[in-house]
């Protein structure tokens, strides 16, 4: 019975590690795509560049945050959990600030249309 438990735990660890890497890869791809897209908008002198960049960063952070949450499944020690908790709090704070920036940027872009 203990052998089955250890094998199941090993399989779970591999699944979580692979899923975490996949989520972080998605976040990286989104961030790179957004950066390239924003650079193109910058070359065109588009006013919505900050909004597009902020939305892309926010989405990339959501994927990275998902990876960190998955990592908590396989944590063994309290010290690791504390470090992961701090990382999650920092990324959540960044996400909150970016969403606040997105909201303000949308207001700024709508103001000239209303005038």
Protein backbone atom coordinates (compact mmCIF):
# COMPACT_ATOMS: atom_id res chain seq x y z
CA UNK A 1 0.00 0.00 0.00
CA UNK A 2 2.84 2.37 0.80
CA UNK A 3 4.36 1.75 -2.63
CA UNK A 4 1.12 2.78 -4.32
CA UNK A 5 0.99 5.92 -2.18
CA UNK A 6 4.57 6.87 -3.07
CA UNK A 7 3.95 6.23 -6.78
CA UNK A 8 0.76 8.32 -6.71
CA UNK A 9 2.62 11.11 -4.94
CA UNK A 10 5.40 10.99 -7.53
CA UNK A 11 2.90 11.10 -10.38
CA UNK A 12 1.10 14.05 -8.74
CA UNK A 13 4.40 15.89 -8.33
CA UNK A 14 5.26 15.42 -12.02
CA UNK A 15 1.80 16.53 -13.13
CA UNK A 16 1.96 19.66 -10.96
CA UNK A 17 5.50 20.52 -12.07
CA UNK A 18 4.61 20.07 -15.74
CA UNK A 19 1.39 22.08 -15.36
CA UNK A 20 3.26 24.83 -13.54
CA UNK A 21 5.85 25.04 -16.31
CA UNK A 22 3.08 25.09 -18.91
CA UNK A 23 1.23 27.93 -17.17
CA UNK A 24 4.43 29.94 -16.81
CA UNK A 25 5.26 29.32 -20.47
CA UNK A 26 1.81 30.63 -21.44
CA UNK A 27 2.44 33.72 -19.32
CA UNK A 28 5.81 34.31 -20.97
CA UNK A 29 4.35 33.85 -24.47
CA UNK A 30 1.54 36.31 -23.72
CA UNK A 31 4.00 38.85 -22.34
CA UNK A 32 6.34 38.60 -25.34
CA UNK A 33 3.42 38.79 -27.80
CA UNK A 34 2.05 41.84 -25.98
CA UNK A 35 5.45 43.54 -25.94
CA UNK A 36 5.89 43.05 -29.69
CA UNK A 37 2.32 44.21 -30.37
CA UNK A 38 2.82 47.25 -28.14
CA UNK A 39 6.06 48.12 -29.89
CA UNK A 40 4.25 48.07 -33.22
CA UNK A 41 1.54 50.35 -31.78
CA UNK A 42 4.29 52.63 -30.46
CA UNK A 43 5.76 52.89 -33.95
CA UNK A 44 2.31 53.86 -35.23
CA UNK A 45 1.96 56.47 -32.44
CA UNK A 46 -1.27 54.86 -31.18
CA UNK A 47 -2.72 56.33 -27.98
CA UNK A 48 -3.96 53.00 -26.67
CA UNK A 49 -0.48 51.50 -26.27
CA UNK A 50 -0.46 51.78 -22.46
CA UNK A 51 -3.84 50.09 -22.19
CA UNK A 52 -2.85 47.23 -24.47
CA UNK A 53 0.44 46.72 -22.64
CA UNK A 54 -1.20 46.82 -19.21
CA UNK A 55 -3.86 44.30 -20.26
CA UNK A 56 -1.22 41.93 -21.63
CA UNK A 57 0.89 42.20 -18.49
CA UNK A 58 -2.17 41.57 -16.32
CA UNK A 59 -3.09 38.46 -18.30
CA UNK A 60 0.49 37.16 -18.19
CA UNK A 61 0.56 37.73 -14.42
CA UNK A 62 -2.66 35.73 -14.03
CA UNK A 63 -1.02 32.73 -15.69
CA UNK A 64 2.11 33.12 -13.57
CA UNK A 65 -0.05 33.39 -10.45
CA UNK A 66 -1.84 30.19 -11.45
CA UNK A 67 1.53 28.44 -11.62
CA UNK A 68 2.43 29.65 -8.15
CA UNK A 69 -0.88 28.44 -6.73
CA UNK A 70 -0.24 25.02 -8.27
CA UNK A 71 3.18 24.93 -6.64
CA UNK A 72 1.54 25.12 -3.23
CA UNK A 73 0.14 21.62 -3.82
CA UNK A 74 3.56 19.98 -3.62
CA UNK A 75 5.18 22.13 -0.93
CA UNK A 76 6.80 20.08 1.83
CA UNK A 77 8.01 22.64 4.38
CA UNK A 78 6.60 25.74 6.03
CA UNK A 79 9.54 27.83 4.82
CA UNK A 80 8.71 26.96 1.21
CA UNK A 81 5.06 27.74 1.81
CA UNK A 82 6.01 31.12 3.30
CA UNK A 83 8.14 31.97 0.27
CA UNK A 84 5.37 30.90 -2.12
CA UNK A 85 2.84 32.89 -0.10
CA UNK A 86 4.99 36.00 -0.35
CA UNK A 87 5.39 35.51 -4.12
CA UNK A 88 1.63 35.05 -4.50
CA UNK A 89 0.94 38.21 -2.47
CA UNK A 90 3.39 40.25 -4.53
CA UNK A 91 1.97 39.03 -7.82
CA UNK A 92 -1.58 39.62 -6.60
CA UNK A 93 -0.62 43.16 -5.57
CA UNK A 94 0.93 43.75 -8.99
CA UNK A 95 -2.20 42.42 -10.67
CA UNK A 96 -4.36 44.73 -8.56
CA UNK A 97 -2.21 47.75 -9.43
CA UNK A 98 -2.22 46.89 -13.13
CA UNK A 99 -6.01 46.50 -13.14
CA UNK A 100 -6.27 49.91 -11.44
CA UNK A 101 -4.00 51.34 -14.15
CA UNK A 102 -6.15 49.72 -16.87
CA UNK A 103 -9.28 51.28 -15.39
CA UNK A 104 -7.68 54.73 -15.28
CA UNK A 105 -6.26 54.38 -18.79
CA UNK A 106 -9.69 53.44 -20.16
CA UNK A 107 -11.13 56.57 -18.53
CA UNK A 108 -8.40 58.71 -20.10
CA UNK A 109 -9.01 57.24 -23.54
CA UNK A 110 -12.78 57.80 -23.27
CA UNK A 111 -12.52 61.43 -22.06
CA UNK A 112 -11.49 62.94 -25.42
CA UNK A 113 -14.41 61.12 -27.09
CA UNK A 114 -16.87 62.60 -24.59
CA UNK A 115 -15.65 66.18 -25.09
